[in-house]
Amino acid sequence: MSGKIFAGAFGGVSLPIVIEFATKGARIHDAFPYKWSGVVGTITGVFTGILPAVWKEYPLTKDMEKEDKNAVIAFGASSLATGIWILILDELKKRAIYTFRTELPLRQPAARGGLEVLPPEEMIKEI
């Protein structure tokens, strides 16, 4: 893989994540309750990933060399994927279908003071 394509993909993933940290997970507005990072990542992905890939004469990339165009598409595709996943995880979190756990209780105190490993069926319930 070309270094330009890797840099484009890395930049596309980084953009929504940096926005998520910079805005501290803020949503756009009460009337439009979606995260800035997810919306920016998705819109950026459409304009720099999907449109250049399907429209040969797209103004942004029509005069670019193939490797440069592929780097822009990699940027857009990874930004789109990251933005969509931020929006999906946020929706799941809002509906309480998915929760972020701070720790997984893999061990519990035993009766005699030592630590006992949880049985596999208990671990499966937790996961």
N, C-alpha and C. Protein backbone atom coordinates (compact mmCIF):
# COMPACT_ATOMS: atom_id res chain seq x y z
N MET A 1 0.85 -1.17 0.00
CA MET A 1 0.00 0.00 0.00
C MET A 1 0.90 1.24 0.00
N SER A 2 0.46 2.21 -0.71
CA SER A 2 1.20 3.46 -0.83
C SER A 2 1.15 4.26 0.49
N GLY A 3 2.20 5.00 0.72
CA GLY A 3 2.25 5.86 1.91
C GLY A 3 1.18 6.93 1.89
N LYS A 4 0.84 7.43 0.70
CA LYS A 4 -0.19 8.46 0.59
C LYS A 4 -1.57 7.89 0.97
N ILE A 5 -1.83 6.68 0.53
CA ILE A 5 -3.12 6.06 0.84
C ILE A 5 -3.22 5.79 2.34
N PHE A 6 -2.13 5.29 2.92
CA PHE A 6 -2.12 5.06 4.37
C PHE A 6 -2.33 6.37 5.12
N ALA A 7 -1.66 7.43 4.70
CA ALA A 7 -1.81 8.72 5.36
C ALA A 7 -3.24 9.24 5.22
N GLY A 8 -3.83 9.04 4.05
CA GLY A 8 -5.21 9.46 3.85
C GLY A 8 -6.16 8.71 4.77
N ALA A 9 -5.99 7.39 4.85
CA ALA A 9 -6.85 6.58 5.72
C ALA A 9 -6.66 6.96 7.18
N PHE A 10 -5.42 7.15 7.59
CA PHE A 10 -5.13 7.54 8.97
C PHE A 10 -5.77 8.89 9.29
N GLY A 11 -5.64 9.84 8.37
CA GLY A 11 -6.24 11.16 8.57
C GLY A 11 -7.76 11.11 8.64
N GLY A 12 -8.36 10.24 7.82
CA GLY A 12 -9.81 10.12 7.81
C GLY A 12 -10.35 9.55 9.11
N VAL A 13 -9.65 8.61 9.69
CA VAL A 13 -10.07 8.06 10.99
C VAL A 13 -9.81 9.09 12.09
N SER A 14 -8.70 9.79 12.00
CA SER A 14 -8.31 10.74 13.04
C SER A 14 -9.24 11.94 13.13
N LEU A 15 -9.73 12.43 11.99
CA LEU A 15 -10.56 13.64 11.99
C LEU A 15 -11.77 13.54 12.92
N PRO A 16 -12.65 12.55 12.77
CA PRO A 16 -13.79 12.48 13.69
C PRO A 16 -13.39 12.23 15.15
N ILE A 17 -12.32 11.47 15.36
CA ILE A 17 -11.89 11.19 16.73
C ILE A 17 -11.37 12.46 17.39
N VAL A 18 -10.58 13.25 16.68
CA VAL A 18 -10.08 14.52 17.22
C VAL A 18 -11.25 15.46 17.52
N ILE A 19 -12.23 15.50 16.62
CA ILE A 19 -13.41 16.35 16.84
C ILE A 19 -14.18 15.87 18.08
N GLU A 20 -14.29 14.55 18.24
CA GLU A 20 -14.99 14.00 19.41
C GLU A 20 -14.31 14.45 20.71
N PHE A 21 -12.98 14.40 20.75
CA PHE A 21 -12.28 14.83 21.96
C PHE A 21 -12.31 16.34 22.12
N ALA A 22 -12.19 17.08 21.02
CA ALA A 22 -12.17 18.54 21.11
C ALA A 22 -13.52 19.08 21.58
N THR A 23 -14.61 18.48 21.12
CA THR A 23 -15.94 18.95 21.52
C THR A 23 -16.45 18.25 22.78
N LYS A 24 -15.65 17.33 23.32
CA LYS A 24 -16.00 16.56 24.52
C LYS A 24 -17.33 15.82 24.34
N GLY A 25 -17.52 15.27 23.15
CA GLY A 25 -18.72 14.48 22.88
C GLY A 25 -19.99 15.29 22.74
N ALA A 26 -19.86 16.58 22.43
CA ALA A 26 -21.03 17.45 22.36
C ALA A 26 -21.93 17.10 21.18
N ARG A 27 -23.21 17.34 21.40
CA ARG A 27 -24.18 17.18 20.32
C ARG A 27 -24.42 18.54 19.68
N ILE A 28 -24.91 18.53 18.46
CA ILE A 28 -25.08 19.77 17.70
C ILE A 28 -26.11 20.68 18.34
N HIS A 29 -27.31 20.17 18.59
CA HIS A 29 -28.38 20.97 19.16
C HIS A 29 -29.45 20.02 19.69
N ASP A 30 -30.32 20.51 20.56
CA ASP A 30 -31.40 19.68 21.07
C ASP A 30 -32.33 19.22 19.96
N ALA A 31 -32.55 20.09 18.98
CA ALA A 31 -33.43 19.74 17.86
C ALA A 31 -32.76 18.75 16.90
N PHE A 32 -31.45 18.72 16.88
CA PHE A 32 -30.67 17.81 16.03
C PHE A 32 -29.65 17.12 16.92
N PRO A 33 -30.08 16.10 17.69
CA PRO A 33 -29.25 15.56 18.78
C PRO A 33 -28.19 14.55 18.33
N TYR A 34 -27.38 14.92 17.38
CA TYR A 34 -26.31 14.03 16.92
C TYR A 34 -24.97 14.66 17.22
N LYS A 35 -23.97 13.81 17.42
CA LYS A 35 -22.64 14.31 17.78
C LYS A 35 -21.97 15.01 16.61
N TRP A 36 -21.26 16.08 16.94
CA TRP A 36 -20.51 16.81 15.93
C TRP A 36 -19.55 15.89 15.18
N SER A 37 -18.85 15.06 15.92
CA SER A 37 -17.84 14.20 15.31
C SER A 37 -18.44 13.24 14.30
N GLY A 38 -19.58 12.66 14.63
CA GLY A 38 -20.23 11.72 13.72
C GLY A 38 -20.76 12.39 12.47
N VAL A 39 -21.35 13.55 12.64
CA VAL A 39 -21.91 14.28 11.49
C VAL A 39 -20.79 14.79 10.59
N VAL A 40 -19.75 15.38 11.16
CA VAL A 40 -18.64 15.88 10.35
C VAL A 40 -17.94 14.74 9.62
N GLY A 41 -17.72 13.62 10.33
CA GLY A 41 -17.09 12.47 9.69
C GLY A 41 -17.91 11.92 8.54
N THR A 42 -19.22 11.84 8.73
CA THR A 42 -20.10 11.33 7.68
C THR A 42 -20.15 12.26 6.48
N ILE A 43 -20.32 13.55 6.72
CA ILE A 43 -20.38 14.51 5.61
C ILE A 43 -19.04 14.57 4.87
N THR A 44 -17.95 14.60 5.62
CA THR A 44 -16.63 14.59 4.99
C THR A 44 -16.46 13.34 4.14
N GLY A 45 -16.92 12.21 4.64
CA GLY A 45 -16.82 10.95 3.90
C GLY A 45 -17.59 10.96 2.61
N VAL A 46 -18.75 11.58 2.62
CA VAL A 46 -19.55 11.65 1.39
C VAL A 46 -18.83 12.49 0.34
N PHE A 47 -18.30 13.66 0.76
CA PHE A 47 -17.69 14.56 -0.21
C PHE A 47 -16.27 14.20 -0.61
N THR A 48 -15.56 13.45 0.22
CA THR A 48 -14.18 13.09 -0.16
C THR A 48 -13.99 11.60 -0.39
N GLY A 49 -15.02 10.80 -0.13
CA GLY A 49 -14.90 9.36 -0.34
C GLY A 49 -15.83 8.83 -1.39
N ILE A 50 -17.12 9.03 -1.19
CA ILE A 50 -18.10 8.46 -2.10
C ILE A 50 -18.14 9.21 -3.43
N LEU A 51 -18.28 10.53 -3.41
CA LEU A 51 -18.38 11.28 -4.66
C LEU A 51 -17.18 11.11 -5.58
N PRO A 52 -15.93 11.19 -5.08
CA PRO A 52 -14.80 10.96 -5.98
C PRO A 52 -14.73 9.52 -6.51
N ALA A 53 -15.25 8.57 -5.74
CA ALA A 53 -15.20 7.17 -6.17
C ALA A 53 -16.21 6.88 -7.28
N VAL A 54 -17.36 7.53 -7.25
CA VAL A 54 -18.41 7.22 -8.22
C VAL A 54 -18.53 8.24 -9.36
N TRP A 55 -17.98 9.43 -9.19
CA TRP A 55 -18.11 10.49 -10.20
C TRP A 55 -16.72 10.78 -10.75
N LYS A 56 -16.50 10.35 -11.97
CA LYS A 56 -15.17 10.47 -12.59
C LYS A 56 -14.73 11.93 -12.73
N GLU A 57 -15.65 12.82 -13.00
CA GLU A 57 -15.32 14.24 -13.20
C GLU A 57 -15.62 15.09 -11.96
N TYR A 58 -15.51 14.49 -10.79
CA TYR A 58 -15.75 15.23 -9.55
C TYR A 58 -14.72 16.35 -9.46
N PRO A 59 -15.17 17.60 -9.28
CA PRO A 59 -14.25 18.75 -9.33
C PRO A 59 -13.06 18.68 -8.37
N LEU A 60 -13.24 18.08 -7.22
CA LEU A 60 -12.15 18.00 -6.24
C LEU A 60 -11.00 17.14 -6.73
N THR A 61 -11.30 16.08 -7.46
CA THR A 61 -10.26 15.11 -7.81
C THR A 61 -10.07 14.88 -9.31
N LYS A 62 -10.75 15.61 -10.17
CA LYS A 62 -10.68 15.29 -11.60
C LYS A 62 -9.30 15.49 -12.21
N ASP A 63 -8.50 16.40 -11.71
CA ASP A 63 -7.17 16.64 -12.28
C ASP A 63 -6.05 16.01 -11.46
N MET A 64 -6.39 15.16 -10.52
CA MET A 64 -5.37 14.53 -9.67
C MET A 64 -4.81 13.27 -10.32
N GLU A 65 -3.59 12.94 -9.91
CA GLU A 65 -3.03 11.66 -10.32
C GLU A 65 -3.79 10.55 -9.59
N LYS A 66 -3.71 9.33 -10.12
CA LYS A 66 -4.48 8.23 -9.56
C LYS A 66 -4.14 7.96 -8.10
N GLU A 67 -2.85 7.99 -7.75
CA GLU A 67 -2.45 7.72 -6.36
C GLU A 67 -2.98 8.79 -5.40
N ASP A 68 -2.95 10.04 -5.84
CA ASP A 68 -3.47 11.12 -5.00
C ASP A 68 -4.99 11.00 -4.84
N LYS A 69 -5.66 10.67 -5.94
CA LYS A 69 -7.11 10.49 -5.88
C LYS A 69 -7.46 9.33 -4.94
N ASN A 70 -6.70 8.25 -5.01
CA ASN A 70 -6.95 7.12 -4.12
C ASN A 70 -6.71 7.49 -2.66
N ALA A 71 -5.75 8.36 -2.41
CA ALA A 71 -5.50 8.82 -1.04
C ALA A 71 -6.68 9.64 -0.52
N VAL A 72 -7.24 10.48 -1.38
CA VAL A 72 -8.41 11.28 -0.98
C VAL A 72 -9.60 10.36 -0.72
N ILE A 73 -9.78 9.36 -1.57
CA ILE A 73 -10.88 8.41 -1.38
C ILE A 73 -10.68 7.61 -0.09
N ALA A 74 -9.44 7.22 0.21
CA ALA A 74 -9.16 6.50 1.45
C ALA A 74 -9.47 7.38 2.66
N PHE A 75 -9.11 8.66 2.57
CA PHE A 75 -9.43 9.62 3.63
C PHE A 75 -10.94 9.67 3.84
N GLY A 76 -11.67 9.83 2.75
CA GLY A 76 -13.12 9.95 2.84
C GLY A 76 -13.79 8.69 3.33
N ALA A 77 -13.35 7.54 2.82
CA ALA A 77 -13.98 6.27 3.22
C ALA A 77 -13.75 5.99 4.70
N SER A 78 -12.55 6.23 5.19
CA SER A 78 -12.29 5.97 6.61
C SER A 78 -13.00 7.00 7.49
N SER A 79 -13.11 8.23 7.02
CA SER A 79 -13.85 9.25 7.77
C SER A 79 -15.33 8.91 7.82
N LEU A 80 -15.87 8.44 6.70
CA LEU A 80 -17.28 8.03 6.64
C LEU A 80 -17.55 6.88 7.60
N ALA A 81 -16.70 5.86 7.56
CA ALA A 81 -16.90 4.70 8.43
C ALA A 81 -16.81 5.10 9.90
N THR A 82 -15.83 5.92 10.25
CA THR A 82 -15.67 6.34 11.64
C THR A 82 -16.86 7.20 12.09
N GLY A 83 -17.27 8.13 11.24
CA GLY A 83 -18.41 8.99 11.57
C GLY A 83 -19.70 8.21 11.76
N ILE A 84 -19.95 7.24 10.87
CA ILE A 84 -21.16 6.43 10.99
C ILE A 84 -21.12 5.60 12.27
N TRP A 85 -19.97 5.03 12.60
CA TRP A 85 -19.90 4.22 13.82
C TRP A 85 -20.05 5.07 15.08
N ILE A 86 -19.56 6.29 15.04
CA ILE A 86 -19.78 7.18 16.19
C ILE A 86 -21.27 7.43 16.37
N LEU A 87 -21.98 7.68 15.27
CA LEU A 87 -23.42 7.92 15.33
C LEU A 87 -24.18 6.67 15.80
N ILE A 88 -23.78 5.51 15.29
CA ILE A 88 -24.45 4.26 15.68
C ILE A 88 -24.25 3.97 17.17
N LEU A 89 -23.01 4.06 17.63
CA LEU A 89 -22.74 3.80 19.05
C LEU A 89 -23.45 4.81 19.96
N ASP A 90 -23.53 6.06 19.51
CA ASP A 90 -24.22 7.06 20.30
C ASP A 90 -25.71 6.76 20.39
N GLU A 91 -26.31 6.34 19.28
CA GLU A 91 -27.73 5.97 19.29
C GLU A 91 -27.97 4.77 20.20
N LEU A 92 -27.11 3.77 20.13
CA LEU A 92 -27.26 2.61 21.00
C LEU A 92 -27.13 3.00 22.46
N LYS A 93 -26.20 3.90 22.73
CA LYS A 93 -26.00 4.36 24.11
C LYS A 93 -27.22 5.15 24.59
N LYS A 94 -27.77 6.00 23.72
CA LYS A 94 -28.95 6.78 24.11
C LYS A 94 -30.14 5.87 24.39
N ARG A 95 -30.26 4.78 23.67
CA ARG A 95 -31.38 3.86 23.87
C ARG A 95 -31.09 2.83 24.95
N ALA A 96 -29.95 2.95 25.59
CA ALA A 96 -29.52 2.05 26.67
C ALA A 96 -29.42 0.60 26.20
N ILE A 97 -29.12 0.41 24.93
CA ILE A 97 -28.90 -0.93 24.41
C ILE A 97 -27.45 -1.33 24.61
N TYR A 98 -26.58 -0.35 24.62
CA TYR A 98 -25.15 -0.59 24.73
C TYR A 98 -24.62 0.29 25.83
N THR A 99 -23.85 -0.27 26.74
CA THR A 99 -23.24 0.53 27.80
C THR A 99 -21.75 0.30 27.80
N PHE A 100 -21.00 1.34 28.07
CA PHE A 100 -19.56 1.23 28.19
C PHE A 100 -19.24 0.82 29.61
N ARG A 101 -18.55 -0.29 29.78
CA ARG A 101 -18.19 -0.78 31.10
C ARG A 101 -16.82 -0.25 31.46
N THR A 102 -16.67 0.15 32.70
CA THR A 102 -15.36 0.62 33.14
C THR A 102 -14.45 -0.53 33.51
N GLU A 103 -15.03 -1.62 34.00
CA GLU A 103 -14.22 -2.77 34.34
C GLU A 103 -15.06 -4.03 34.21
N LEU A 104 -14.43 -5.09 33.91
CA LEU A 104 -15.10 -6.38 33.82
C LEU A 104 -14.70 -7.19 35.04
N PRO A 105 -15.64 -7.57 35.89
CA PRO A 105 -15.30 -8.29 37.13
C PRO A 105 -14.88 -9.73 36.84
N LEU A 106 -13.62 -9.92 36.51
CA LEU A 106 -13.13 -11.25 36.18
C LEU A 106 -12.88 -12.10 37.42
N ARG A 107 -12.70 -11.43 38.56
CA ARG A 107 -12.43 -12.16 39.80
C ARG A 107 -13.33 -11.62 40.90
N GLN A 108 -13.65 -12.47 41.83
CA GLN A 108 -14.39 -12.04 42.99
C GLN A 108 -13.72 -12.60 44.25
N PRO A 109 -13.89 -11.94 45.37
CA PRO A 109 -13.23 -12.43 46.59
C PRO A 109 -13.75 -13.80 47.00
N ALA A 110 -12.83 -14.67 47.35
CA ALA A 110 -13.21 -16.01 47.83
C ALA A 110 -13.49 -15.94 49.33
N ALA A 111 -14.12 -16.95 49.86
CA ALA A 111 -14.50 -16.97 51.27
C ALA A 111 -13.29 -16.93 52.20
N ARG A 112 -12.15 -17.50 51.78
CA ARG A 112 -10.97 -17.57 52.66
C ARG A 112 -9.97 -16.45 52.41
N GLY A 113 -10.33 -15.41 51.76
CA GLY A 113 -9.44 -14.27 51.59
C GLY A 113 -8.70 -14.23 50.28
N GLY A 114 -8.69 -15.29 49.49
CA GLY A 114 -8.01 -15.27 48.20
C GLY A 114 -8.94 -14.79 47.10
N LEU A 115 -8.45 -14.79 45.89
CA LEU A 115 -9.28 -14.42 44.75
C LEU A 115 -9.65 -15.67 43.98
N GLU A 116 -10.88 -15.74 43.60
CA GLU A 116 -11.38 -16.90 42.88
C GLU A 116 -11.80 -16.46 41.48
N VAL A 117 -11.44 -17.23 40.49
CA VAL A 117 -11.82 -16.90 39.12
C VAL A 117 -13.29 -17.22 38.93
N LEU A 118 -13.99 -16.30 38.26
CA LEU A 118 -15.41 -16.54 37.99
C LEU A 118 -15.58 -17.73 37.06
N PRO A 119 -16.62 -18.51 37.28
CA PRO A 119 -16.90 -19.61 36.35
C PRO A 119 -17.24 -19.05 34.96
N PRO A 120 -16.96 -19.80 33.90
CA PRO A 120 -17.19 -19.31 32.53
C PRO A 120 -18.62 -18.84 32.27
N GLU A 121 -19.61 -19.51 32.85
CA GLU A 121 -21.00 -19.09 32.60
C GLU A 121 -21.29 -17.72 33.20
N GLU A 122 -20.64 -17.37 34.32
CA GLU A 122 -20.80 -16.04 34.91
C GLU A 122 -20.11 -14.99 34.04
N MET A 123 -18.95 -15.33 33.50
CA MET A 123 -18.26 -14.38 32.62
C MET A 123 -19.09 -14.13 31.37
N ILE A 124 -19.71 -15.15 30.82
CA ILE A 124 -20.52 -14.99 29.62
C ILE A 124 -21.72 -14.10 29.91
N LYS A 125 -22.34 -14.22 31.10
CA LYS A 125 -23.46 -13.34 31.47
C LYS A 125 -23.00 -11.89 31.51
N GLU A 126 -21.81 -11.66 32.05
CA GLU A 126 -21.30 -10.29 32.16
C GLU A 126 -21.04 -9.69 30.79
N ILE A 127 -20.50 -10.48 29.88
CA ILE A 127 -20.18 -9.97 28.55
C ILE A 127 -21.45 -9.78 27.78
